[in-house]
Amino acid sequence: VQSKVSGGRLNAGEPVCLSNQQTIWLSVPAVNEHANIAISTGNGTGDLKIEYSNLGWPDGSNLHGWSDNAGNKECITVSSQANYWGYIKVSGSFENAAIVVDFDAEACRE
């Protein structure tokens, strides 16, 4: 059993369970080396929101994508990122949710 992630670095293609806290900051390396990236969340209960930026930590003014559906199923797809690091902010009230980032994917996971 893997421990829940409360922040830090994500590896592409590896789903992780998120800690039950209101805000989680995650970074993804080498996003500029791939044509597309897809960020998918799901599972668990509650209602989370995800925000993504290639310019630094998401602050509302620098977003390249965001997703705020009812529940925990969120999806962001972006292409042609200029910078090495991608930055993700997960916020809301949720339990037992998971996140995964996929490189060279044009759609999110179901």
N, C-alpha and C. Protein backbone atom coordinates (compact mmCIF):
# COMPACT_ATOMS: atom_id res chain seq x y z
N VAL A 1 0.85 -1.19 0.00
CA VAL A 1 0.00 0.00 0.00
C VAL A 1 0.88 1.24 0.00
N GLN A 2 0.64 2.11 -0.95
CA GLN A 2 1.41 3.35 -1.00
C GLN A 2 0.77 4.40 -0.11
N SER A 3 1.60 5.25 0.47
CA SER A 3 1.06 6.32 1.30
C SER A 3 0.46 7.40 0.40
N LYS A 4 -0.45 8.16 0.96
CA LYS A 4 -1.10 9.22 0.20
C LYS A 4 -0.15 10.40 0.01
N VAL A 5 -0.29 11.05 -1.12
CA VAL A 5 0.60 12.15 -1.48
C VAL A 5 0.00 13.47 -1.01
N SER A 6 0.81 14.26 -0.31
CA SER A 6 0.35 15.56 0.18
C SER A 6 1.06 16.71 -0.51
N GLY A 7 1.90 16.38 -1.50
CA GLY A 7 2.63 17.40 -2.25
C GLY A 7 3.87 16.78 -2.84
N GLY A 8 4.55 17.53 -3.70
CA GLY A 8 5.81 17.06 -4.27
C GLY A 8 5.71 16.76 -5.75
N ARG A 9 6.56 15.84 -6.18
CA ARG A 9 6.73 15.57 -7.61
C ARG A 9 5.91 14.36 -8.05
N LEU A 10 5.26 14.50 -9.21
CA LEU A 10 4.53 13.38 -9.82
C LEU A 10 5.35 12.81 -10.96
N ASN A 11 5.33 11.51 -11.11
CA ASN A 11 5.93 10.86 -12.27
C ASN A 11 4.83 10.52 -13.27
N ALA A 12 5.05 10.84 -14.53
CA ALA A 12 4.04 10.59 -15.56
C ALA A 12 3.68 9.12 -15.61
N GLY A 13 2.38 8.86 -15.78
CA GLY A 13 1.90 7.49 -15.94
C GLY A 13 1.69 6.73 -14.65
N GLU A 14 2.00 7.35 -13.50
CA GLU A 14 1.86 6.68 -12.21
C GLU A 14 0.76 7.33 -11.38
N PRO A 15 -0.42 6.70 -11.30
CA PRO A 15 -1.50 7.26 -10.47
C PRO A 15 -1.10 7.25 -8.99
N VAL A 16 -1.48 8.30 -8.28
CA VAL A 16 -1.25 8.36 -6.84
C VAL A 16 -2.52 8.78 -6.13
N CYS A 17 -2.68 8.31 -4.89
CA CYS A 17 -3.79 8.73 -4.05
C CYS A 17 -3.41 10.03 -3.36
N LEU A 18 -4.38 10.93 -3.27
CA LEU A 18 -4.14 12.24 -2.68
C LEU A 18 -4.48 12.24 -1.20
N SER A 19 -3.68 12.93 -0.42
CA SER A 19 -3.94 13.12 0.99
C SER A 19 -5.24 13.92 1.15
N ASN A 20 -5.92 13.73 2.27
CA ASN A 20 -7.18 14.45 2.53
C ASN A 20 -6.87 15.81 3.14
N GLN A 21 -6.42 16.74 2.33
CA GLN A 21 -6.17 18.09 2.82
C GLN A 21 -6.70 19.07 1.79
N GLN A 22 -6.90 20.32 2.19
CA GLN A 22 -7.61 21.25 1.33
C GLN A 22 -6.83 21.70 0.12
N THR A 23 -5.51 21.81 0.22
CA THR A 23 -4.71 22.24 -0.92
C THR A 23 -3.46 21.37 -1.03
N ILE A 24 -3.21 20.88 -2.24
CA ILE A 24 -2.03 20.06 -2.51
C ILE A 24 -1.32 20.66 -3.72
N TRP A 25 -0.01 20.85 -3.59
CA TRP A 25 0.82 21.41 -4.66
C TRP A 25 1.68 20.30 -5.23
N LEU A 26 1.63 20.12 -6.55
CA LEU A 26 2.37 19.04 -7.22
C LEU A 26 3.13 19.59 -8.42
N SER A 27 4.29 19.02 -8.69
CA SER A 27 5.06 19.42 -9.88
C SER A 27 5.32 18.21 -10.75
N VAL A 28 5.43 18.46 -12.05
CA VAL A 28 5.67 17.40 -13.03
C VAL A 28 6.85 17.82 -13.90
N PRO A 29 7.92 17.01 -13.95
CA PRO A 29 9.08 17.38 -14.76
C PRO A 29 8.91 17.04 -16.24
N ALA A 30 9.66 17.73 -17.07
CA ALA A 30 9.82 17.41 -18.50
C ALA A 30 8.55 17.54 -19.33
N VAL A 31 7.63 18.43 -18.91
CA VAL A 31 6.39 18.58 -19.69
C VAL A 31 6.67 19.17 -21.07
N ASN A 32 7.77 19.90 -21.22
CA ASN A 32 8.09 20.51 -22.52
C ASN A 32 8.68 19.51 -23.51
N GLU A 33 8.93 18.29 -23.09
CA GLU A 33 9.50 17.27 -23.97
C GLU A 33 8.43 16.39 -24.62
N HIS A 34 7.16 16.75 -24.43
CA HIS A 34 6.06 15.93 -24.95
C HIS A 34 5.04 16.82 -25.65
N ALA A 35 4.39 16.26 -26.68
CA ALA A 35 3.43 17.03 -27.47
C ALA A 35 2.21 17.43 -26.64
N ASN A 36 1.73 16.50 -25.82
CA ASN A 36 0.53 16.75 -25.02
C ASN A 36 0.72 16.18 -23.62
N ILE A 37 -0.01 16.75 -22.67
CA ILE A 37 -0.13 16.12 -21.36
C ILE A 37 -1.60 16.15 -20.95
N ALA A 38 -2.00 15.11 -20.24
CA ALA A 38 -3.37 15.01 -19.73
C ALA A 38 -3.29 14.78 -18.23
N ILE A 39 -4.04 15.57 -17.48
CA ILE A 39 -4.10 15.46 -16.03
C ILE A 39 -5.50 14.98 -15.67
N SER A 40 -5.59 13.82 -15.02
CA SER A 40 -6.88 13.22 -14.69
C SER A 40 -6.98 13.01 -13.19
N THR A 41 -8.16 13.29 -12.63
CA THR A 41 -8.44 12.94 -11.24
C THR A 41 -9.74 12.16 -11.18
N GLY A 42 -9.93 11.44 -10.08
CA GLY A 42 -11.16 10.68 -9.90
C GLY A 42 -11.14 9.93 -8.60
N ASN A 43 -12.13 9.08 -8.42
CA ASN A 43 -12.29 8.23 -7.24
C ASN A 43 -12.65 9.05 -5.99
N GLY A 44 -12.99 8.33 -4.94
CA GLY A 44 -13.24 8.95 -3.66
C GLY A 44 -14.53 9.73 -3.60
N THR A 45 -14.62 10.55 -2.57
CA THR A 45 -15.79 11.37 -2.33
C THR A 45 -15.37 12.83 -2.18
N GLY A 46 -16.35 13.71 -2.25
CA GLY A 46 -16.09 15.14 -2.10
C GLY A 46 -16.12 15.86 -3.42
N ASP A 47 -15.44 17.00 -3.46
CA ASP A 47 -15.45 17.85 -4.65
C ASP A 47 -14.11 18.58 -4.73
N LEU A 48 -13.29 18.20 -5.71
CA LEU A 48 -12.00 18.86 -5.86
C LEU A 48 -11.94 19.65 -7.15
N LYS A 49 -10.94 20.52 -7.21
CA LYS A 49 -10.68 21.38 -8.36
C LYS A 49 -9.19 21.25 -8.68
N ILE A 50 -8.84 21.22 -9.96
CA ILE A 50 -7.43 21.23 -10.33
C ILE A 50 -7.12 22.43 -11.22
N GLU A 51 -5.92 22.99 -11.00
CA GLU A 51 -5.43 24.10 -11.80
C GLU A 51 -4.02 23.76 -12.26
N TYR A 52 -3.66 24.16 -13.47
CA TYR A 52 -2.35 23.83 -14.03
C TYR A 52 -1.70 25.07 -14.65
N SER A 53 -0.40 25.20 -14.42
CA SER A 53 0.38 26.26 -15.06
C SER A 53 1.75 25.73 -15.45
N ASN A 54 2.28 26.25 -16.55
CA ASN A 54 3.64 25.95 -16.99
C ASN A 54 4.58 27.10 -16.64
N LEU A 55 4.06 28.12 -15.96
CA LEU A 55 4.83 29.32 -15.66
C LEU A 55 5.24 29.42 -14.20
N GLY A 56 4.75 28.54 -13.35
CA GLY A 56 5.00 28.61 -11.91
C GLY A 56 3.77 28.09 -11.19
N TRP A 57 3.78 28.17 -9.87
CA TRP A 57 2.65 27.64 -9.11
C TRP A 57 1.37 28.38 -9.51
N PRO A 58 0.28 27.66 -9.75
CA PRO A 58 -0.98 28.29 -10.16
C PRO A 58 -1.45 29.33 -9.14
N ASP A 59 -1.75 30.53 -9.64
CA ASP A 59 -2.21 31.60 -8.74
C ASP A 59 -3.46 32.30 -9.26
N GLY A 60 -4.12 31.69 -10.24
CA GLY A 60 -5.33 32.29 -10.78
C GLY A 60 -5.09 33.17 -11.99
N SER A 61 -3.88 33.75 -12.11
CA SER A 61 -3.60 34.65 -13.24
C SER A 61 -2.68 34.02 -14.28
N ASN A 62 -2.10 32.85 -13.98
CA ASN A 62 -1.11 32.25 -14.89
C ASN A 62 -1.53 30.87 -15.39
N LEU A 63 -2.82 30.60 -15.39
CA LEU A 63 -3.29 29.24 -15.66
C LEU A 63 -3.25 28.88 -17.14
N HIS A 64 -2.81 27.67 -17.44
CA HIS A 64 -2.93 27.10 -18.78
C HIS A 64 -4.14 26.18 -18.88
N GLY A 65 -4.67 25.78 -17.74
CA GLY A 65 -5.87 24.95 -17.72
C GLY A 65 -6.40 24.80 -16.32
N TRP A 66 -7.70 24.57 -16.22
CA TRP A 66 -8.31 24.30 -14.93
C TRP A 66 -9.55 23.46 -15.14
N SER A 67 -9.98 22.76 -14.10
CA SER A 67 -11.16 21.91 -14.18
C SER A 67 -11.84 21.90 -12.81
N ASP A 68 -13.13 22.21 -12.80
CA ASP A 68 -13.88 22.30 -11.55
C ASP A 68 -15.29 21.75 -11.74
N ASN A 69 -15.37 20.45 -12.04
CA ASN A 69 -16.66 19.79 -12.17
C ASN A 69 -17.18 19.40 -10.79
N ALA A 70 -18.45 19.04 -10.71
CA ALA A 70 -18.98 18.49 -9.46
C ALA A 70 -18.31 17.14 -9.21
N GLY A 71 -17.93 16.87 -7.97
CA GLY A 71 -17.27 15.61 -7.64
C GLY A 71 -15.77 15.68 -7.88
N ASN A 72 -15.14 14.52 -7.99
CA ASN A 72 -13.68 14.45 -8.10
C ASN A 72 -13.17 14.14 -9.50
N LYS A 73 -14.06 13.98 -10.48
CA LYS A 73 -13.61 13.64 -11.83
C LYS A 73 -13.28 14.92 -12.59
N GLU A 74 -11.99 15.20 -12.70
CA GLU A 74 -11.53 16.41 -13.38
C GLU A 74 -10.57 16.03 -14.50
N CYS A 75 -10.43 16.94 -15.47
CA CYS A 75 -9.58 16.66 -16.63
C CYS A 75 -9.01 17.97 -17.17
N ILE A 76 -7.69 17.98 -17.38
CA ILE A 76 -7.03 19.09 -18.07
C ILE A 76 -6.13 18.48 -19.14
N THR A 77 -6.23 18.98 -20.37
CA THR A 77 -5.29 18.58 -21.42
C THR A 77 -4.64 19.85 -21.97
N VAL A 78 -3.33 19.80 -22.13
CA VAL A 78 -2.59 20.93 -22.68
C VAL A 78 -1.54 20.40 -23.64
N SER A 79 -1.11 21.26 -24.56
CA SER A 79 -0.09 20.85 -25.53
C SER A 79 0.97 21.93 -25.64
N SER A 80 2.10 21.56 -26.20
CA SER A 80 3.19 22.48 -26.54
C SER A 80 3.60 23.38 -25.37
N GLN A 81 4.00 22.76 -24.28
CA GLN A 81 4.45 23.52 -23.12
C GLN A 81 5.89 24.01 -23.33
N ALA A 82 6.17 25.25 -22.97
CA ALA A 82 7.48 25.86 -23.24
C ALA A 82 8.51 25.52 -22.17
N ASN A 83 8.08 25.36 -20.93
CA ASN A 83 9.00 25.21 -19.81
C ASN A 83 9.05 23.77 -19.29
N TYR A 84 10.15 23.43 -18.64
CA TYR A 84 10.42 22.06 -18.18
C TYR A 84 9.41 21.58 -17.14
N TRP A 85 9.09 22.43 -16.17
CA TRP A 85 8.21 22.02 -15.07
C TRP A 85 6.76 22.41 -15.33
N GLY A 86 5.86 21.50 -14.98
CA GLY A 86 4.44 21.79 -14.92
C GLY A 86 4.03 21.81 -13.47
N TYR A 87 3.10 22.69 -13.14
CA TYR A 87 2.70 22.89 -11.74
C TYR A 87 1.20 22.69 -11.59
N ILE A 88 0.81 21.91 -10.60
CA ILE A 88 -0.60 21.57 -10.38
C ILE A 88 -1.01 21.95 -8.97
N LYS A 89 -2.16 22.60 -8.86
CA LYS A 89 -2.78 22.88 -7.57
C LYS A 89 -4.07 22.08 -7.49
N VAL A 90 -4.20 21.27 -6.45
CA VAL A 90 -5.43 20.53 -6.18
C VAL A 90 -6.06 21.17 -4.95
N SER A 91 -7.33 21.54 -5.03
CA SER A 91 -7.98 22.17 -3.89
C SER A 91 -9.40 21.68 -3.75
N GLY A 92 -10.00 21.94 -2.59
CA GLY A 92 -11.38 21.54 -2.33
C GLY A 92 -11.47 20.68 -1.10
N SER A 93 -12.58 19.99 -0.98
CA SER A 93 -12.82 19.08 0.14
C SER A 93 -13.07 17.70 -0.44
N PHE A 94 -12.16 16.76 -0.18
CA PHE A 94 -12.24 15.45 -0.83
C PHE A 94 -11.54 14.40 0.01
N GLU A 95 -11.90 13.14 -0.22
CA GLU A 95 -11.26 12.01 0.43
C GLU A 95 -11.04 10.90 -0.58
N ASN A 96 -9.90 10.24 -0.48
CA ASN A 96 -9.58 9.05 -1.29
C ASN A 96 -9.61 9.31 -2.79
N ALA A 97 -9.26 10.52 -3.20
CA ALA A 97 -9.18 10.85 -4.62
C ALA A 97 -7.79 10.48 -5.14
N ALA A 98 -7.69 10.31 -6.46
CA ALA A 98 -6.42 9.97 -7.10
C ALA A 98 -6.16 10.92 -8.26
N ILE A 99 -4.87 11.07 -8.61
CA ILE A 99 -4.47 11.90 -9.74
C ILE A 99 -3.42 11.17 -10.56
N VAL A 100 -3.45 11.40 -11.87
CA VAL A 100 -2.41 10.86 -12.75
C VAL A 100 -2.15 11.86 -13.87
N VAL A 101 -0.89 11.96 -14.26
CA VAL A 101 -0.50 12.78 -15.41
C VAL A 101 0.03 11.84 -16.48
N ASP A 102 -0.49 11.96 -17.69
CA ASP A 102 -0.04 11.13 -18.81
C ASP A 102 0.58 12.01 -19.88
N PHE A 103 1.77 11.63 -20.35
CA PHE A 103 2.42 12.33 -21.45
C PHE A 103 1.93 11.77 -22.79
N ASP A 104 1.92 12.64 -23.81
CA ASP A 104 1.53 12.26 -25.17
C ASP A 104 0.15 11.64 -25.22
N ALA A 105 -0.73 12.12 -24.35
CA ALA A 105 -2.12 11.65 -24.32
C ALA A 105 -3.01 12.83 -24.70
N GLU A 106 -3.91 12.61 -25.63
CA GLU A 106 -4.79 13.69 -26.08
C GLU A 106 -6.09 13.74 -25.30
N ALA A 107 -6.32 12.73 -24.44
CA ALA A 107 -7.54 12.70 -23.65
C ALA A 107 -7.21 12.21 -22.24
N CYS A 108 -8.06 12.57 -21.31
CA CYS A 108 -7.89 12.12 -19.93
C CYS A 108 -8.34 10.67 -19.78
N ARG A 109 -7.94 10.06 -18.67
CA ARG A 109 -8.38 8.70 -18.36
C ARG A 109 -9.83 8.74 -17.90
N GLU A 110 -10.53 7.66 -18.20
CA GLU A 110 -11.93 7.56 -17.76
C GLU A 110 -12.00 7.11 -16.32
